[in-house]
Amino acid sequence: MQPQPGTVLIAYDGSDDAAAAIRRAGSVLGARPAVVVHVWESLAGLLLHTDVDGLTGSMRDAAEELDQEDRFNGERIATEGEELARQAGFDAEAHALQGKPKAWPVLLEVAEKIDAAVIVIGSRGFGCVKSALIGSVSSGLLHHAGRPVLVVPPSRDEVGTGPVLIAFDGSDSARAAVAAAGELFAGREATVETVWVPYAPVASAGTAGMPAAVASHAVEELDKSIATRAETTAAEGARLAAQSGLEARSTAVEAEGPVWATIGDSAARQDSAAIVVGSRGRGALAAAVLGSTSSALVHHAHAPILVVPPHRG
């Protein structure tokens, strides 16, 4: 596993969702080098609650026999993933690695070794004891990877044909998200969207005793100011996206409900190929990208979600 520019690390567990994730990732990311990794777990280690390497005698022989079967099956699954990746347009190689004790740290070690440009995971796996891609793995990668993670939902094989949607709030994380989008989706159309939260819904509690006309005008002016700042922020993001090689336009959208739902709705209307978010935002009143927003999108959006940390590892 030698580092190559733009290499994709694909986590594969043999499930239908993981296979669909590879096909959709190929459509989104295009032809590039890929390393397909299946992380297998030692059934003997799970049953005995210990590391097989520490056993001796007949117990070790029996455990190694069990592990040999697990290893063989893991290699078979990894090879299957490699073939799927090649069919999806990747220049792929496969590796089956044992998880000790969990899958996600092994995947992160590989990502560091090959300096992966992005880690691709499905948002669902088998959900059984030997599955490498379960919720805890996805969560571990999203919380600990110092590089972009592309989470592909299982809802459909087709990738949207519309522009990549980049959620942008001006934070360091959002700027990193734009840069990552430029690296991974160069040449694509992109919409840089800043979602602003109106003050009106939260203003009523603070306007008691104030004349209705005065309160209404004050709230209206404040919302205009917030919207204007959002437009400026979105335009800044679009400039950064253009500098990163994207054909970008900007838009500021008023939130109607949770910010993540507004972003998801925008992506659905545009049939976006992917949604790009930072893993952290400013947390201010009009901020569009928060930790909770990226998390909600991962759980609910139908398009692939590229989650980018503030600083690359």
Protein backbone atom coordinates (compact mmCIF):
# COMPACT_ATOMS: atom_id res chain seq x y z
CA MET A 1 0.00 0.00 0.00
CA GLN A 2 2.03 2.90 -1.34
CA PRO A 3 0.73 6.48 -1.12
CA GLN A 4 -0.60 7.87 -4.40
CA PRO A 5 -2.12 11.34 -4.88
CA GLY A 6 -5.87 11.31 -4.58
CA THR A 7 -6.13 7.74 -3.30
CA VAL A 8 -9.52 6.67 -1.97
CA LEU A 9 -9.80 4.31 1.00
CA ILE A 10 -12.96 2.21 0.70
CA ALA A 11 -14.21 0.30 3.73
CA TYR A 12 -16.10 -2.79 2.57
CA ASP A 13 -17.95 -5.44 4.57
CA GLY A 14 -19.63 -7.47 1.83
CA SER A 15 -23.14 -6.15 2.44
CA ASP A 16 -25.43 -4.95 -0.35
CA ASP A 17 -25.26 -1.44 1.10
CA ALA A 18 -21.46 -1.48 1.01
CA ALA A 19 -21.53 -2.65 -2.62
CA ALA A 20 -23.95 0.15 -3.49
CA ALA A 21 -21.65 2.60 -1.69
CA ILE A 22 -18.76 1.61 -3.96
CA ARG A 23 -20.85 2.05 -7.10
CA ARG A 24 -22.14 5.46 -6.01
CA ALA A 25 -18.67 6.58 -4.85
CA GLY A 26 -17.31 5.73 -8.29
CA SER A 27 -19.93 7.94 -9.91
CA VAL A 28 -19.21 10.82 -7.55
CA LEU A 29 -15.42 10.66 -7.31
CA GLY A 30 -14.49 9.43 -10.76
CA ALA A 31 -11.53 7.27 -11.78
CA ARG A 32 -8.69 7.38 -9.26
CA PRO A 33 -6.54 4.97 -7.21
CA ALA A 34 -8.38 3.11 -4.44
CA VAL A 35 -7.53 0.76 -1.61
CA VAL A 36 -10.40 -1.52 -0.59
CA VAL A 37 -10.12 -2.75 2.99
CA HIS A 38 -12.20 -5.41 4.69
CA VAL A 39 -11.62 -5.57 8.43
CA TRP A 40 -12.31 -9.01 9.86
CA GLU A 41 -12.75 -9.86 13.50
CA SER A 42 -11.31 -12.89 15.25
CA LEU A 43 -14.23 -15.09 16.25
CA ALA A 44 -11.90 -16.98 18.57
CA GLY A 45 -10.87 -13.75 20.24
CA LEU A 46 -14.49 -12.70 20.66
CA LEU A 47 -15.50 -16.05 22.15
CA LEU A 48 -12.52 -16.28 24.48
CA HIS A 49 -12.40 -12.56 25.33
CA THR A 50 -8.64 -12.50 24.80
CA ASP A 51 -5.99 -11.96 22.15
CA VAL A 52 -5.28 -15.24 20.38
CA ASP A 53 -1.56 -14.38 20.32
CA GLY A 54 -1.49 -14.80 24.08
CA LEU A 55 -2.80 -18.38 24.05
CA THR A 56 -0.70 -21.55 24.24
CA GLY A 57 -1.02 -25.26 23.51
CA SER A 58 -4.17 -26.87 22.12
CA MET A 59 -6.23 -23.75 22.91
CA ARG A 60 -3.99 -21.68 20.64
CA ASP A 61 -4.15 -24.32 17.89
CA ALA A 62 -7.95 -24.30 17.98
CA ALA A 63 -8.09 -20.52 18.01
CA GLU A 64 -5.69 -20.25 15.09
CA GLU A 65 -7.82 -22.70 13.12
CA LEU A 66 -10.86 -20.50 13.70
CA ASP A 67 -8.88 -17.41 12.76
CA GLN A 68 -7.63 -19.06 9.58
CA GLU A 69 -11.21 -19.47 8.41
CA ASP A 70 -12.02 -15.88 9.33
CA ARG A 71 -8.92 -14.65 7.53
CA PHE A 72 -9.76 -16.65 4.39
CA ASN A 73 -13.31 -15.33 4.38
CA GLY A 74 -12.01 -11.80 4.93
CA GLU A 75 -9.69 -12.09 1.94
CA ARG A 76 -12.59 -13.34 -0.17
CA ILE A 77 -14.74 -10.35 0.80
CA ALA A 78 -11.88 -7.90 0.19
CA THR A 79 -11.30 -9.36 -3.29
CA GLU A 80 -15.01 -9.04 -4.01
CA GLY A 81 -14.83 -5.38 -3.00
CA GLU A 82 -11.80 -4.85 -5.23
CA GLU A 83 -13.69 -6.20 -8.23
CA LEU A 84 -16.68 -3.95 -7.48
CA ALA A 85 -14.34 -0.96 -7.19
CA ARG A 86 -12.73 -1.75 -10.53
CA GLN A 87 -16.17 -2.01 -12.12
CA ALA A 88 -16.94 1.42 -10.62
CA GLY A 89 -13.89 2.93 -12.34
CA PHE A 90 -11.31 2.81 -9.55
CA ASP A 91 -7.77 1.51 -9.99
CA ALA A 92 -8.21 -0.71 -6.93
CA GLU A 93 -6.27 -3.08 -4.74
CA ALA A 94 -7.69 -5.14 -1.85
CA HIS A 95 -6.54 -5.87 1.68
CA ALA A 96 -8.10 -7.96 4.44
CA LEU A 97 -6.94 -6.87 7.89
CA GLN A 98 -7.79 -8.06 11.37
CA GLY A 99 -9.48 -5.61 13.69
CA LYS A 100 -7.81 -5.47 17.11
CA PRO A 101 -10.10 -4.84 18.88
CA LYS A 102 -12.16 -2.56 16.64
CA ALA A 103 -12.41 -1.92 12.91
CA TRP A 104 -12.23 1.87 12.72
CA PRO A 105 -8.73 2.30 14.24
CA VAL A 106 -7.41 -0.18 11.65
CA LEU A 107 -9.04 1.80 8.87
CA LEU A 108 -7.53 5.02 10.20
CA GLU A 109 -4.08 3.43 10.28
CA VAL A 110 -4.43 2.49 6.63
CA ALA A 111 -5.71 5.97 5.78
CA GLU A 112 -2.61 7.48 7.37
CA LYS A 113 -0.30 5.02 5.64
CA ILE A 114 -1.63 5.76 2.16
CA ASP A 115 -2.44 9.42 2.92
CA ALA A 116 -6.00 8.86 1.71
CA ALA A 117 -7.69 11.85 0.10
CA VAL A 118 -11.03 10.53 1.36
CA ILE A 119 -12.44 7.55 3.24
CA VAL A 120 -15.59 6.00 1.75
CA ILE A 121 -18.06 4.18 3.98
CA GLY A 122 -21.65 3.03 3.69
CA SER A 123 -24.02 4.28 6.35
CA ARG A 124 -25.33 0.76 6.99
CA GLY A 125 -23.72 -2.66 7.29
CA PHE A 126 -24.75 -6.16 8.26
CA GLY A 127 -25.31 -5.18 11.89
CA CYS A 128 -24.08 -8.58 13.13
CA VAL A 129 -21.08 -9.51 15.25
CA LYS A 130 -18.65 -9.99 12.34
CA SER A 131 -19.64 -6.89 10.39
CA ALA A 132 -16.87 -4.36 9.83
CA LEU A 133 -19.18 -1.50 8.87
CA ILE A 134 -21.65 -0.95 11.66
CA GLY A 135 -22.75 2.25 13.30
CA SER A 136 -19.82 2.29 15.69
CA VAL A 137 -17.36 2.08 12.79
CA SER A 138 -18.98 4.93 10.89
CA SER A 139 -19.15 6.96 14.08
CA GLY A 140 -15.52 6.20 14.94
CA LEU A 141 -14.31 7.32 11.52
CA LEU A 142 -16.42 10.48 11.52
CA HIS A 143 -15.25 11.50 14.99
CA HIS A 144 -11.57 10.57 14.69
CA ALA A 145 -10.51 10.78 11.03
CA GLY A 146 -8.38 13.83 10.35
CA ARG A 147 -9.41 13.74 6.70
CA PRO A 148 -12.64 13.82 4.66
CA VAL A 149 -15.10 10.95 5.03
CA LEU A 150 -17.70 10.26 2.31
CA VAL A 151 -20.75 8.59 3.82
CA VAL A 152 -22.93 6.92 1.19
CA PRO A 153 -26.54 6.18 2.20
CA PRO A 154 -28.22 2.95 1.09
CA SER A 155 -31.34 4.52 -0.37
CA ARG A 156 -30.52 4.09 -4.05
CA ASP A 157 -27.73 3.29 -6.51
CA GLU A 158 -28.25 6.37 -8.68
CA VAL A 159 -26.19 9.46 -8.00
CA GLY A 160 -27.78 12.85 -8.55
CA THR A 161 -26.87 14.68 -11.72
CA GLY A 162 -27.10 18.17 -10.19
CA PRO A 163 -24.35 20.31 -8.66
CA VAL A 164 -22.47 19.42 -5.52
CA LEU A 165 -24.03 21.32 -2.62
CA ILE A 166 -21.50 22.87 -0.21
CA ALA A 167 -22.87 24.13 3.10
CA PHE A 168 -20.81 27.18 4.06
CA ASP A 169 -20.85 29.41 7.15
CA GLY A 170 -17.43 31.05 6.89
CA SER A 171 -15.85 28.94 9.64
CA ASP A 172 -12.47 27.23 9.35
CA SER A 173 -14.27 23.92 9.00
CA ALA A 174 -16.41 25.27 6.15
CA ARG A 175 -13.31 26.61 4.40
CA ALA A 176 -11.67 23.19 4.73
CA ALA A 177 -14.84 21.66 3.28
CA VAL A 178 -14.61 23.92 0.22
CA ALA A 179 -10.95 23.01 -0.28
CA ALA A 180 -11.71 19.28 0.01
CA ALA A 181 -14.60 19.63 -2.44
CA GLY A 182 -12.25 21.30 -4.90
CA GLU A 183 -9.76 18.43 -4.61
CA LEU A 184 -12.33 15.66 -4.94
CA PHE A 185 -14.89 17.18 -7.30
CA ALA A 186 -12.72 19.45 -9.50
CA GLY A 187 -14.50 20.62 -12.64
CA ARG A 188 -17.99 19.93 -11.30
CA GLU A 189 -20.72 22.48 -10.81
CA ALA A 190 -21.24 23.47 -7.18
CA THR A 191 -23.77 25.45 -5.21
CA VAL A 192 -22.35 27.13 -2.12
CA GLU A 193 -25.24 27.57 0.29
CA THR A 194 -25.40 29.58 3.49
CA VAL A 195 -28.47 28.93 5.61
CA TRP A 196 -29.60 31.77 7.83
CA VAL A 197 -31.91 31.46 10.79
CA PRO A 198 -34.56 34.23 11.08
CA TYR A 199 -34.83 36.10 14.35
CA ALA A 200 -38.62 36.46 14.21
CA PRO A 201 -39.50 33.06 15.75
CA VAL A 202 -37.40 33.77 18.86
CA ALA A 203 -38.10 37.49 19.16
CA SER A 204 -41.58 37.39 20.67
CA ALA A 205 -40.37 36.57 24.18
CA GLY A 206 -38.23 39.68 24.26
CA THR A 207 -40.77 42.11 22.86
CA ALA A 208 -43.39 41.99 25.60
CA GLY A 209 -44.65 45.51 26.29
CA MET A 210 -43.18 46.89 23.08
CA PRO A 211 -45.63 48.34 20.55
CA ALA A 212 -46.42 45.70 17.91
CA ALA A 213 -45.46 47.96 14.99
CA VAL A 214 -42.11 48.85 16.56
CA ALA A 215 -41.31 45.24 17.39
CA SER A 216 -42.28 44.05 13.92
CA HIS A 217 -40.10 46.66 12.24
CA ALA A 218 -37.12 45.88 14.48
CA VAL A 219 -37.37 42.16 13.78
CA GLU A 220 -37.76 42.78 10.05
CA GLU A 221 -34.64 44.94 9.97
CA LEU A 222 -32.68 42.39 11.97
CA ASP A 223 -33.69 39.58 9.62
CA LYS A 224 -32.68 41.71 6.63
CA SER A 225 -29.28 42.22 8.22
CA ILE A 226 -28.88 38.50 8.89
CA ALA A 227 -29.91 37.66 5.33
CA THR A 228 -27.45 40.19 3.90
CA ARG A 229 -24.60 38.75 5.96
CA ALA A 230 -25.57 35.28 4.76
CA GLU A 231 -25.44 36.42 1.13
CA THR A 232 -21.99 37.90 1.72
CA THR A 233 -20.82 34.70 3.38
CA ALA A 234 -22.16 32.53 0.57
CA ALA A 235 -20.47 34.73 -2.03
CA GLU A 236 -17.18 34.36 -0.17
CA GLY A 237 -17.59 30.59 -0.20
CA ALA A 238 -18.33 30.61 -3.93
CA ARG A 239 -15.15 32.60 -4.59
CA LEU A 240 -13.14 30.06 -2.61
CA ALA A 241 -14.84 27.22 -4.48
CA ALA A 242 -14.02 28.80 -7.84
CA GLN A 243 -10.40 29.19 -6.77
CA SER A 244 -10.43 25.48 -5.87
CA GLY A 245 -11.50 24.48 -9.39
CA LEU A 246 -15.28 24.28 -9.05
CA GLU A 247 -17.88 25.99 -11.23
CA ALA A 248 -19.55 27.64 -8.26
CA ARG A 249 -22.52 29.86 -7.59
CA SER A 250 -23.73 31.15 -4.24
CA THR A 251 -27.10 31.22 -2.53
CA ALA A 252 -28.40 32.27 0.88
CA VAL A 253 -31.45 30.37 2.12
CA GLU A 254 -33.73 31.09 5.04
CA ALA A 255 -34.07 28.12 7.36
CA GLU A 256 -37.53 26.62 7.55
CA GLY A 257 -37.09 24.23 10.42
CA PRO A 258 -33.75 22.62 11.32
CA VAL A 259 -30.74 23.79 9.33
CA TRP A 260 -29.89 20.24 8.27
CA ALA A 261 -33.39 19.78 6.83
CA THR A 262 -33.07 23.00 4.82
CA ILE A 263 -29.76 21.81 3.37
CA GLY A 264 -31.21 18.37 2.63
CA ASP A 265 -34.23 19.91 0.92
CA SER A 266 -31.98 22.12 -1.21
CA ALA A 267 -29.94 19.08 -2.25
CA ALA A 268 -33.10 17.18 -3.16
CA ARG A 269 -34.45 20.05 -5.27
CA GLN A 270 -31.17 20.34 -7.16
CA ASP A 271 -30.68 16.55 -7.41
CA SER A 272 -27.22 17.13 -5.94
CA ALA A 273 -24.52 14.56 -6.59
CA ALA A 274 -23.22 15.06 -3.04
CA ILE A 275 -23.51 17.32 -0.01
CA VAL A 276 -20.32 18.75 1.50
CA VAL A 277 -20.24 19.88 5.14
CA GLY A 278 -17.64 20.75 7.73
CA SER A 279 -17.71 18.72 10.90
CA ARG A 280 -17.81 21.86 13.03
CA GLY A 281 -19.25 25.37 12.56
CA ARG A 282 -19.25 28.67 14.39
CA GLY A 283 -22.28 27.97 16.53
CA ALA A 284 -23.56 31.54 16.10
CA LEU A 285 -27.17 32.52 15.43
CA ALA A 286 -26.89 32.39 11.65
CA ALA A 287 -24.32 29.58 11.40
CA ALA A 288 -25.22 26.97 8.81
CA VAL A 289 -22.83 24.15 9.60
CA LEU A 290 -22.74 22.74 13.12
CA GLY A 291 -21.65 19.40 14.48
CA SER A 292 -25.30 18.53 14.96
CA THR A 293 -26.07 19.56 11.38
CA SER A 294 -23.45 17.31 9.80
CA SER A 295 -24.53 14.46 12.08
CA ALA A 296 -28.20 14.88 11.14
CA LEU A 297 -27.37 14.97 7.44
CA VAL A 298 -25.38 11.75 7.74
CA HIS A 299 -28.41 10.10 9.33
CA HIS A 300 -31.14 11.52 7.12
CA ALA A 301 -29.93 12.80 3.73
CA HIS A 302 -30.38 10.70 0.59
CA ALA A 303 -27.28 12.04 -1.18
CA PRO A 304 -23.71 11.03 -0.31
CA ILE A 305 -22.34 13.29 2.46
CA LEU A 306 -18.72 14.44 2.47
CA VAL A 307 -17.83 15.38 6.06
CA VAL A 308 -14.63 17.39 6.33
CA PRO A 309 -12.74 18.18 9.57
CA PRO A 310 -11.29 21.66 10.14
CA HIS A 311 -7.70 20.45 9.77
CA ARG A 312 -6.52 17.65 7.56
CA GLY A 313 -4.52 14.86 9.13
